[in-house]
Amino acid sequence: VTKFLRGLSYIGLILGIFVIWSGVMSLILDIPPSFQYRDITEDGSNHFTSIFLIVIGITMAFKPISDLPISSILGLIAGTVTAFVIALLVPDWAVTLIAGVVNPKWILVIIFIIVTVIVALTAKFYIGSLQKISKFLSWPPIALVIVIFCLVQGFALWIFGVSIFGLNLL
């Protein structure tokens, strides 16, 4: 892969994060996708557009990070946070009670390892599935269809104020 394509891939990661944010915020804050759409339909958010933005954003974000061990990183973060919170929340009298039987540090280490492994394996499964979907959607014929659809949907919302699908589920 050339440096140019790798650079485009990382730009896609950043844009993917913004696209996810845009889709989520339009659903939460009931923001219409365009001023024209708001003027014509007098509705808030278009659920189809918002959900489509979230799906495309996830695809854009997961394509460039296929080389990173993201599931292991998530597992380590979850294990560390869990052990830290337990260390903060367990009262001193319970620590001294446990210390009579076993060293409390070993219990924290065991909890850290268990949480890390469970979260890492679960994340690996789900992230692997999302990366396979991302790889399929980035296959050139499929990507071309998605690009054409996105352009038609974007221009329909921006110029005419209508969505391709009047899908308002909520």
N, C-alpha and C. Protein backbone atom coordinates (compact mmCIF):
# COMPACT_ATOMS: atom_id res chain seq x y z
N VAL A 1 0.85 -1.17 0.00
CA VAL A 1 0.00 0.00 0.00
C VAL A 1 0.90 1.24 0.00
N THR A 2 0.60 2.16 -0.89
CA THR A 2 1.42 3.36 -0.98
C THR A 2 1.14 4.29 0.20
N LYS A 3 2.05 5.23 0.38
CA LYS A 3 1.89 6.19 1.48
C LYS A 3 0.66 7.07 1.26
N PHE A 4 0.38 7.37 0.00
CA PHE A 4 -0.79 8.19 -0.31
C PHE A 4 -2.08 7.47 0.11
N LEU A 5 -2.20 6.18 -0.25
CA LEU A 5 -3.40 5.43 0.12
C LEU A 5 -3.50 5.24 1.63
N ARG A 6 -2.35 5.04 2.29
CA ARG A 6 -2.37 4.91 3.75
C ARG A 6 -2.82 6.23 4.38
N GLY A 7 -2.36 7.36 3.82
CA GLY A 7 -2.79 8.67 4.31
C GLY A 7 -4.29 8.87 4.13
N LEU A 8 -4.80 8.48 2.95
CA LEU A 8 -6.24 8.56 2.72
C LEU A 8 -7.01 7.68 3.69
N SER A 9 -6.44 6.53 4.00
CA SER A 9 -7.08 5.61 4.92
C SER A 9 -7.20 6.23 6.31
N TYR A 10 -6.16 6.92 6.76
CA TYR A 10 -6.22 7.55 8.08
C TYR A 10 -7.12 8.78 8.08
N ILE A 11 -7.21 9.47 6.96
CA ILE A 11 -8.19 10.55 6.84
C ILE A 11 -9.60 9.96 6.94
N GLY A 12 -9.80 8.78 6.34
CA GLY A 12 -11.08 8.08 6.45
C GLY A 12 -11.42 7.72 7.88
N LEU A 13 -10.40 7.37 8.67
CA LEU A 13 -10.61 7.07 10.09
C LEU A 13 -11.15 8.30 10.82
N ILE A 14 -10.52 9.44 10.59
CA ILE A 14 -10.94 10.68 11.24
C ILE A 14 -12.34 11.08 10.76
N LEU A 15 -12.56 11.01 9.45
CA LEU A 15 -13.89 11.34 8.93
C LEU A 15 -14.95 10.37 9.43
N GLY A 16 -14.58 9.09 9.58
CA GLY A 16 -15.51 8.10 10.10
C GLY A 16 -15.98 8.44 11.50
N ILE A 17 -15.06 8.92 12.33
CA ILE A 17 -15.42 9.32 13.69
C ILE A 17 -16.39 10.49 13.64
N PHE A 18 -16.14 11.47 12.77
CA PHE A 18 -17.04 12.61 12.65
C PHE A 18 -18.40 12.21 12.07
N VAL A 19 -18.41 11.25 11.15
CA VAL A 19 -19.68 10.80 10.57
C VAL A 19 -20.51 10.07 11.62
N ILE A 20 -19.86 9.24 12.44
CA ILE A 20 -20.58 8.57 13.53
C ILE A 20 -21.16 9.61 14.48
N TRP A 21 -20.33 10.58 14.84
CA TRP A 21 -20.78 11.65 15.75
C TRP A 21 -21.96 12.41 15.15
N SER A 22 -21.90 12.70 13.86
CA SER A 22 -22.98 13.42 13.19
C SER A 22 -24.28 12.63 13.23
N GLY A 23 -24.21 11.33 12.94
CA GLY A 23 -25.41 10.50 12.96
C GLY A 23 -26.01 10.38 14.35
N VAL A 24 -25.16 10.19 15.35
CA VAL A 24 -25.65 10.05 16.72
C VAL A 24 -26.25 11.36 17.22
N MET A 25 -25.59 12.47 16.96
CA MET A 25 -26.09 13.77 17.42
C MET A 25 -27.40 14.14 16.74
N SER A 26 -27.55 13.78 15.46
CA SER A 26 -28.80 14.10 14.78
C SER A 26 -29.96 13.30 15.38
N LEU A 27 -29.68 12.08 15.84
CA LEU A 27 -30.74 11.31 16.49
C LEU A 27 -31.03 11.83 17.89
N ILE A 28 -29.99 12.13 18.65
CA ILE A 28 -30.18 12.57 20.03
C ILE A 28 -30.84 13.94 20.10
N LEU A 29 -30.35 14.88 19.29
CA LEU A 29 -30.83 16.26 19.35
C LEU A 29 -31.96 16.56 18.37
N ASP A 30 -32.39 15.54 17.61
CA ASP A 30 -33.48 15.68 16.64
C ASP A 30 -33.18 16.79 15.63
N ILE A 31 -31.99 16.71 15.04
CA ILE A 31 -31.54 17.71 14.07
C ILE A 31 -31.85 17.20 12.66
N PRO A 32 -32.50 18.01 11.83
CA PRO A 32 -32.77 17.58 10.46
C PRO A 32 -31.48 17.52 9.64
N PRO A 33 -31.44 16.67 8.60
CA PRO A 33 -30.22 16.53 7.81
C PRO A 33 -29.90 17.74 6.94
N SER A 34 -30.89 18.57 6.64
CA SER A 34 -30.62 19.79 5.87
C SER A 34 -31.71 20.82 6.18
N PHE A 35 -31.41 22.07 5.85
CA PHE A 35 -32.40 23.13 6.06
C PHE A 35 -33.60 22.92 5.15
N GLN A 36 -33.35 22.50 3.92
CA GLN A 36 -34.42 22.25 2.96
C GLN A 36 -35.35 21.14 3.47
N TYR A 37 -34.77 20.07 4.02
CA TYR A 37 -35.57 18.98 4.58
C TYR A 37 -36.44 19.49 5.73
N ARG A 38 -35.87 20.33 6.57
CA ARG A 38 -36.61 20.89 7.70
C ARG A 38 -37.77 21.76 7.21
N ASP A 39 -37.52 22.58 6.18
CA ASP A 39 -38.55 23.48 5.67
C ASP A 39 -39.70 22.73 5.00
N ILE A 40 -39.38 21.66 4.29
CA ILE A 40 -40.41 20.93 3.55
C ILE A 40 -41.19 19.98 4.45
N THR A 41 -40.50 19.20 5.26
CA THR A 41 -41.18 18.17 6.03
C THR A 41 -41.57 18.60 7.43
N GLU A 42 -40.95 19.64 7.95
CA GLU A 42 -41.17 20.11 9.32
C GLU A 42 -40.90 19.02 10.35
N ASP A 43 -40.09 18.05 9.97
CA ASP A 43 -39.67 16.99 10.89
C ASP A 43 -38.32 17.34 11.46
N GLY A 44 -37.95 16.58 12.48
CA GLY A 44 -36.60 16.71 13.02
C GLY A 44 -35.66 15.83 12.22
N SER A 45 -35.02 14.94 12.90
CA SER A 45 -34.03 14.10 12.23
C SER A 45 -34.69 13.09 11.30
N ASN A 46 -33.97 12.72 10.28
CA ASN A 46 -34.37 11.65 9.38
C ASN A 46 -33.66 10.40 9.87
N HIS A 47 -34.40 9.45 10.39
CA HIS A 47 -33.79 8.28 11.02
C HIS A 47 -32.99 7.44 10.04
N PHE A 48 -33.47 7.33 8.82
CA PHE A 48 -32.73 6.55 7.83
C PHE A 48 -31.35 7.16 7.59
N THR A 49 -31.31 8.46 7.40
CA THR A 49 -30.03 9.14 7.15
C THR A 49 -29.11 9.01 8.36
N SER A 50 -29.66 9.17 9.55
CA SER A 50 -28.83 9.09 10.76
C SER A 50 -28.25 7.69 10.95
N ILE A 51 -29.07 6.66 10.78
CA ILE A 51 -28.58 5.29 10.92
C ILE A 51 -27.58 4.97 9.82
N PHE A 52 -27.83 5.43 8.61
CA PHE A 52 -26.90 5.21 7.51
C PHE A 52 -25.56 5.90 7.79
N LEU A 53 -25.60 7.10 8.35
CA LEU A 53 -24.36 7.80 8.72
C LEU A 53 -23.57 7.00 9.76
N ILE A 54 -24.25 6.45 10.73
CA ILE A 54 -23.57 5.67 11.77
C ILE A 54 -22.92 4.43 11.16
N VAL A 55 -23.64 3.71 10.30
CA VAL A 55 -23.09 2.50 9.68
C VAL A 55 -21.89 2.83 8.79
N ILE A 56 -22.02 3.85 7.96
CA ILE A 56 -20.90 4.24 7.09
C ILE A 56 -19.73 4.74 7.93
N GLY A 57 -20.01 5.46 9.00
CA GLY A 57 -18.93 5.94 9.87
C GLY A 57 -18.17 4.80 10.53
N ILE A 58 -18.90 3.78 11.00
CA ILE A 58 -18.23 2.62 11.59
C ILE A 58 -17.37 1.92 10.55
N THR A 59 -17.88 1.80 9.34
CA THR A 59 -17.11 1.18 8.27
C THR A 59 -15.85 1.98 7.97
N MET A 60 -15.98 3.29 7.90
CA MET A 60 -14.82 4.14 7.62
C MET A 60 -13.81 4.09 8.76
N ALA A 61 -14.29 3.98 9.99
CA ALA A 61 -13.38 3.99 11.14
C ALA A 61 -12.66 2.66 11.30
N PHE A 62 -13.31 1.54 10.97
CA PHE A 62 -12.69 0.24 11.19
C PHE A 62 -11.78 -0.21 10.07
N LYS A 63 -11.89 0.36 8.90
CA LYS A 63 -11.04 -0.08 7.79
C LYS A 63 -9.56 0.17 8.06
N PRO A 64 -9.12 1.35 8.50
CA PRO A 64 -7.67 1.56 8.67
C PRO A 64 -7.08 0.94 9.94
N ILE A 65 -7.90 0.56 10.91
CA ILE A 65 -7.32 0.06 12.15
C ILE A 65 -7.25 -1.46 12.19
N SER A 66 -7.28 -2.11 11.03
CA SER A 66 -7.24 -3.56 11.01
C SER A 66 -5.90 -4.10 11.50
N ASP A 67 -4.84 -3.30 11.43
CA ASP A 67 -3.52 -3.75 11.87
C ASP A 67 -3.30 -3.57 13.36
N LEU A 68 -4.10 -2.74 14.01
CA LEU A 68 -3.91 -2.47 15.44
C LEU A 68 -4.55 -3.57 16.28
N PRO A 69 -3.92 -3.95 17.39
CA PRO A 69 -4.54 -4.92 18.31
C PRO A 69 -5.55 -4.23 19.22
N ILE A 70 -6.60 -3.68 18.62
CA ILE A 70 -7.56 -2.85 19.36
C ILE A 70 -8.28 -3.64 20.45
N SER A 71 -8.56 -4.92 20.21
CA SER A 71 -9.26 -5.71 21.23
C SER A 71 -8.38 -5.90 22.47
N SER A 72 -7.09 -6.09 22.27
CA SER A 72 -6.18 -6.23 23.41
C SER A 72 -6.08 -4.92 24.18
N ILE A 73 -6.04 -3.82 23.46
CA ILE A 73 -5.98 -2.51 24.12
C ILE A 73 -7.24 -2.27 24.94
N LEU A 74 -8.41 -2.59 24.37
CA LEU A 74 -9.66 -2.44 25.11
C LEU A 74 -9.69 -3.34 26.35
N GLY A 75 -9.19 -4.58 26.21
CA GLY A 75 -9.14 -5.49 27.34
C GLY A 75 -8.25 -4.98 28.45
N LEU A 76 -7.08 -4.45 28.09
CA LEU A 76 -6.17 -3.90 29.10
C LEU A 76 -6.78 -2.69 29.81
N ILE A 77 -7.44 -1.84 29.04
CA ILE A 77 -8.09 -0.67 29.65
C ILE A 77 -9.19 -1.11 30.61
N ALA A 78 -10.02 -2.07 30.18
CA ALA A 78 -11.12 -2.53 31.04
C ALA A 78 -10.59 -3.21 32.30
N GLY A 79 -9.56 -4.05 32.15
CA GLY A 79 -8.98 -4.72 33.32
C GLY A 79 -8.37 -3.74 34.29
N THR A 80 -7.66 -2.75 33.77
CA THR A 80 -7.03 -1.74 34.63
C THR A 80 -8.08 -0.92 35.37
N VAL A 81 -9.09 -0.47 34.65
CA VAL A 81 -10.15 0.33 35.28
C VAL A 81 -10.88 -0.49 36.35
N THR A 82 -11.17 -1.75 36.05
CA THR A 82 -11.87 -2.60 37.02
C THR A 82 -11.04 -2.79 38.29
N ALA A 83 -9.77 -3.13 38.13
CA ALA A 83 -8.90 -3.33 39.30
C ALA A 83 -8.76 -2.02 40.09
N PHE A 84 -8.64 -0.91 39.40
CA PHE A 84 -8.51 0.39 40.06
C PHE A 84 -9.76 0.74 40.85
N VAL A 85 -10.92 0.55 40.25
CA VAL A 85 -12.18 0.87 40.92
C VAL A 85 -12.40 -0.04 42.13
N ILE A 86 -12.08 -1.31 41.98
CA ILE A 86 -12.22 -2.23 43.12
C ILE A 86 -11.28 -1.83 44.24
N ALA A 87 -10.05 -1.45 43.89
CA ALA A 87 -9.08 -1.03 44.91
C ALA A 87 -9.56 0.23 45.64
N LEU A 88 -10.27 1.10 44.93
CA LEU A 88 -10.78 2.31 45.57
C LEU A 88 -12.03 2.07 46.42
N LEU A 89 -12.89 1.17 45.97
CA LEU A 89 -14.19 1.00 46.61
C LEU A 89 -14.21 0.03 47.78
N VAL A 90 -13.28 -0.91 47.82
CA VAL A 90 -13.28 -1.89 48.91
C VAL A 90 -12.80 -1.20 50.19
N PRO A 91 -13.60 -1.25 51.25
CA PRO A 91 -13.21 -0.57 52.49
C PRO A 91 -12.00 -1.25 53.16
N ASP A 92 -11.34 -0.49 54.01
CA ASP A 92 -10.12 -0.98 54.67
C ASP A 92 -10.38 -2.20 55.55
N TRP A 93 -11.53 -2.24 56.23
CA TRP A 93 -11.81 -3.39 57.09
C TRP A 93 -11.94 -4.67 56.27
N ALA A 94 -12.49 -4.55 55.02
CA ALA A 94 -12.60 -5.74 54.16
C ALA A 94 -11.23 -6.17 53.67
N VAL A 95 -10.35 -5.21 53.41
CA VAL A 95 -9.00 -5.53 52.95
C VAL A 95 -8.24 -6.28 54.05
N THR A 96 -8.37 -5.82 55.30
CA THR A 96 -7.69 -6.52 56.40
C THR A 96 -8.29 -7.90 56.63
N LEU A 97 -9.59 -8.04 56.43
CA LEU A 97 -10.24 -9.35 56.56
C LEU A 97 -9.73 -10.31 55.49
N ILE A 98 -9.66 -9.82 54.25
CA ILE A 98 -9.16 -10.64 53.14
C ILE A 98 -7.68 -10.94 53.33
N ALA A 99 -6.93 -9.98 53.87
CA ALA A 99 -5.48 -10.15 54.05
C ALA A 99 -5.16 -11.27 55.03
N GLY A 100 -6.10 -11.63 55.89
CA GLY A 100 -5.89 -12.75 56.80
C GLY A 100 -5.87 -14.08 56.07
N VAL A 101 -6.48 -14.13 54.89
CA VAL A 101 -6.55 -15.38 54.13
C VAL A 101 -5.55 -15.38 52.97
N VAL A 102 -5.57 -14.32 52.17
CA VAL A 102 -4.71 -14.23 50.98
C VAL A 102 -4.33 -12.76 50.79
N ASN A 103 -3.23 -12.54 50.12
CA ASN A 103 -2.76 -11.18 49.85
C ASN A 103 -3.75 -10.49 48.90
N PRO A 104 -4.32 -9.33 49.26
CA PRO A 104 -5.30 -8.65 48.40
C PRO A 104 -4.74 -8.27 47.02
N LYS A 105 -3.44 -8.08 46.91
CA LYS A 105 -2.85 -7.76 45.61
C LYS A 105 -3.05 -8.90 44.62
N TRP A 106 -2.96 -10.14 45.10
CA TRP A 106 -3.17 -11.28 44.22
C TRP A 106 -4.61 -11.34 43.71
N ILE A 107 -5.54 -10.98 44.57
CA ILE A 107 -6.95 -10.95 44.14
C ILE A 107 -7.14 -9.90 43.06
N LEU A 108 -6.53 -8.73 43.23
CA LEU A 108 -6.63 -7.69 42.20
C LEU A 108 -5.98 -8.13 40.90
N VAL A 109 -4.84 -8.83 40.99
CA VAL A 109 -4.17 -9.32 39.79
C VAL A 109 -5.05 -10.35 39.08
N ILE A 110 -5.66 -11.25 39.83
CA ILE A 110 -6.54 -12.26 39.23
C ILE A 110 -7.75 -11.60 38.58
N ILE A 111 -8.36 -10.63 39.26
CA ILE A 111 -9.51 -9.91 38.68
C ILE A 111 -9.08 -9.18 37.41
N PHE A 112 -7.92 -8.53 37.45
CA PHE A 112 -7.40 -7.83 36.28
C PHE A 112 -7.25 -8.78 35.10
N ILE A 113 -6.65 -9.95 35.33
CA ILE A 113 -6.42 -10.91 34.24
C ILE A 113 -7.74 -11.43 33.69
N ILE A 114 -8.68 -11.78 34.58
CA ILE A 114 -9.96 -12.32 34.12
C ILE A 114 -10.72 -11.28 33.29
N VAL A 115 -10.81 -10.06 33.78
CA VAL A 115 -11.53 -9.01 33.04
C VAL A 115 -10.84 -8.71 31.71
N THR A 116 -9.51 -8.64 31.73
CA THR A 116 -8.77 -8.36 30.50
C THR A 116 -9.02 -9.43 29.45
N VAL A 117 -8.96 -10.69 29.84
CA VAL A 117 -9.15 -11.79 28.88
C VAL A 117 -10.58 -11.80 28.34
N ILE A 118 -11.56 -11.66 29.23
CA ILE A 118 -12.96 -11.70 28.78
C ILE A 118 -13.26 -10.54 27.82
N VAL A 119 -12.85 -9.34 28.18
CA VAL A 119 -13.12 -8.18 27.32
C VAL A 119 -12.35 -8.28 26.01
N ALA A 120 -11.10 -8.71 26.06
CA ALA A 120 -10.30 -8.81 24.84
C ALA A 120 -10.88 -9.84 23.87
N LEU A 121 -11.29 -11.00 24.38
CA LEU A 121 -11.86 -12.02 23.50
C LEU A 121 -13.21 -11.59 22.93
N THR A 122 -14.03 -10.97 23.77
CA THR A 122 -15.32 -10.48 23.28
C THR A 122 -15.13 -9.38 22.24
N ALA A 123 -14.24 -8.45 22.53
CA ALA A 123 -13.98 -7.36 21.58
C ALA A 123 -13.37 -7.89 20.29
N LYS A 124 -12.51 -8.89 20.39
CA LYS A 124 -11.89 -9.46 19.19
C LYS A 124 -12.95 -10.06 18.27
N PHE A 125 -13.93 -10.74 18.87
CA PHE A 125 -15.01 -11.32 18.07
C PHE A 125 -15.82 -10.24 17.36
N TYR A 126 -16.27 -9.23 18.13
CA TYR A 126 -17.11 -8.19 17.54
C TYR A 126 -16.33 -7.31 16.57
N ILE A 127 -15.11 -6.96 16.91
CA ILE A 127 -14.32 -6.12 16.02
C ILE A 127 -13.97 -6.88 14.75
N GLY A 128 -13.70 -8.19 14.88
CA GLY A 128 -13.44 -9.00 13.69
C GLY A 128 -14.64 -9.02 12.76
N SER A 129 -15.83 -9.13 13.32
CA SER A 129 -17.05 -9.11 12.50
C SER A 129 -17.21 -7.76 11.81
N LEU A 130 -16.99 -6.68 12.56
CA LEU A 130 -17.11 -5.34 11.96
C LEU A 130 -16.05 -5.12 10.88
N GLN A 131 -14.85 -5.65 11.08
CA GLN A 131 -13.80 -5.48 10.08
C GLN A 131 -14.11 -6.28 8.82
N LYS A 132 -14.75 -7.46 8.96
CA LYS A 132 -15.15 -8.23 7.78
C LYS A 132 -16.23 -7.48 6.99
N ILE A 133 -17.18 -6.89 7.71
CA ILE A 133 -18.21 -6.09 7.05
C ILE A 133 -17.57 -4.89 6.36
N SER A 134 -16.63 -4.26 7.04
CA SER A 134 -15.93 -3.11 6.48
C SER A 134 -15.15 -3.49 5.22
N LYS A 135 -14.50 -4.64 5.26
CA LYS A 135 -13.74 -5.10 4.09
C LYS A 135 -14.68 -5.38 2.92
N PHE A 136 -15.85 -5.98 3.21
CA PHE A 136 -16.82 -6.25 2.15
C PHE A 136 -17.35 -4.95 1.54
N LEU A 137 -17.68 -3.99 2.40
CA LEU A 137 -18.23 -2.73 1.90
C LEU A 137 -17.18 -1.89 1.17
N SER A 138 -15.90 -2.15 1.41
CA SER A 138 -14.87 -1.39 0.71
C SER A 138 -14.42 -2.08 -0.58
N TRP A 139 -15.01 -3.22 -0.91
CA TRP A 139 -14.73 -3.87 -2.19
C TRP A 139 -15.22 -2.93 -3.29
N PRO A 140 -14.42 -2.64 -4.31
CA PRO A 140 -14.73 -1.57 -5.27
C PRO A 140 -16.15 -1.57 -5.86
N PRO A 141 -16.71 -2.70 -6.33
CA PRO A 141 -18.08 -2.62 -6.87
C PRO A 141 -19.11 -2.21 -5.81
N ILE A 142 -18.97 -2.75 -4.61
CA ILE A 142 -19.90 -2.40 -3.54
C ILE A 142 -19.69 -0.94 -3.13
N ALA A 143 -18.42 -0.53 -3.03
CA ALA A 143 -18.11 0.85 -2.64
C ALA A 143 -18.67 1.84 -3.66
N LEU A 144 -18.63 1.49 -4.95
CA LEU A 144 -19.17 2.37 -5.99
C LEU A 144 -20.68 2.54 -5.82
N VAL A 145 -21.37 1.46 -5.53
CA VAL A 145 -22.82 1.54 -5.31
C VAL A 145 -23.11 2.41 -4.09
N ILE A 146 -22.33 2.25 -3.03
CA ILE A 146 -22.53 3.05 -1.81
C ILE A 146 -22.25 4.52 -2.09
N VAL A 147 -21.21 4.81 -2.86
CA VAL A 147 -20.89 6.21 -3.20
C VAL A 147 -22.03 6.85 -3.99
N ILE A 148 -22.54 6.13 -4.99
CA ILE A 148 -23.64 6.67 -5.79
C ILE A 148 -24.87 6.90 -4.91
N PHE A 149 -25.17 5.92 -4.04
CA PHE A 149 -26.31 6.07 -3.14
C PHE A 149 -26.13 7.27 -2.22
N CYS A 150 -24.94 7.42 -1.65
CA CYS A 150 -24.68 8.55 -0.75
C CYS A 150 -24.82 9.89 -1.47
N LEU A 151 -24.32 9.96 -2.69
CA LEU A 151 -24.44 11.21 -3.45
C LEU A 151 -25.90 11.53 -3.77
N VAL A 152 -26.66 10.52 -4.20
CA VAL A 152 -28.07 10.74 -4.51
C VAL A 152 -28.83 11.16 -3.24
N GLN A 153 -28.59 10.46 -2.13
CA GLN A 153 -29.25 10.80 -0.86
C GLN A 153 -28.85 12.20 -0.41
N GLY A 154 -27.58 12.53 -0.51
CA GLY A 154 -27.10 13.85 -0.09
C GLY A 154 -27.71 14.97 -0.91
N PHE A 155 -27.71 14.81 -2.24
CA PHE A 155 -28.29 15.85 -3.09
C PHE A 155 -29.81 15.93 -2.91
N ALA A 156 -30.47 14.79 -2.71
CA ALA A 156 -31.92 14.81 -2.49
C ALA A 156 -32.26 15.57 -1.21
N LEU A 157 -31.47 15.35 -0.16
CA LEU A 157 -31.72 16.07 1.10
C LEU A 157 -31.36 17.54 0.99
N TRP A 158 -30.25 17.82 0.35
CA TRP A 158 -29.72 19.17 0.31
C TRP A 158 -30.51 20.07 -0.64
N ILE A 159 -30.81 19.57 -1.84
CA ILE A 159 -31.45 20.40 -2.86
C ILE A 159 -32.98 20.33 -2.78
N PHE A 160 -33.51 19.09 -2.70
CA PHE A 160 -34.96 18.92 -2.77
C PHE A 160 -35.63 18.80 -1.40
N GLY A 161 -34.85 18.51 -0.36
CA GLY A 161 -35.41 18.40 0.98
C GLY A 161 -36.17 17.12 1.23
N VAL A 162 -35.90 16.09 0.46
CA VAL A 162 -36.56 14.80 0.67
C VAL A 162 -35.50 13.71 0.81
N SER A 163 -35.86 12.65 1.49
CA SER A 163 -34.97 11.51 1.63
C SER A 163 -35.36 10.46 0.60
N ILE A 164 -34.41 9.63 0.23
CA ILE A 164 -34.72 8.54 -0.69
C ILE A 164 -35.78 7.64 -0.06
N PHE A 165 -35.59 7.35 1.20
CA PHE A 165 -36.55 6.53 1.94
C PHE A 165 -37.16 7.38 3.04
N GLY A 166 -38.45 7.39 3.15
CA GLY A 166 -39.11 8.12 4.22
C GLY A 166 -39.17 7.25 5.47
N LEU A 167 -38.01 6.79 5.91
CA LEU A 167 -37.94 5.84 7.01
C LEU A 167 -37.77 6.56 8.34
N ASN A 168 -38.86 6.79 9.02
CA ASN A 168 -38.80 7.34 10.38
C ASN A 168 -39.38 6.30 11.32
N LEU A 169 -38.48 5.57 11.96
CA LEU A 169 -38.89 4.45 12.79
C LEU A 169 -39.31 4.86 14.18
N LEU A 170 -38.72 5.93 14.69
CA LEU A 170 -38.95 6.28 16.10
C LEU A 170 -39.97 7.39 16.24
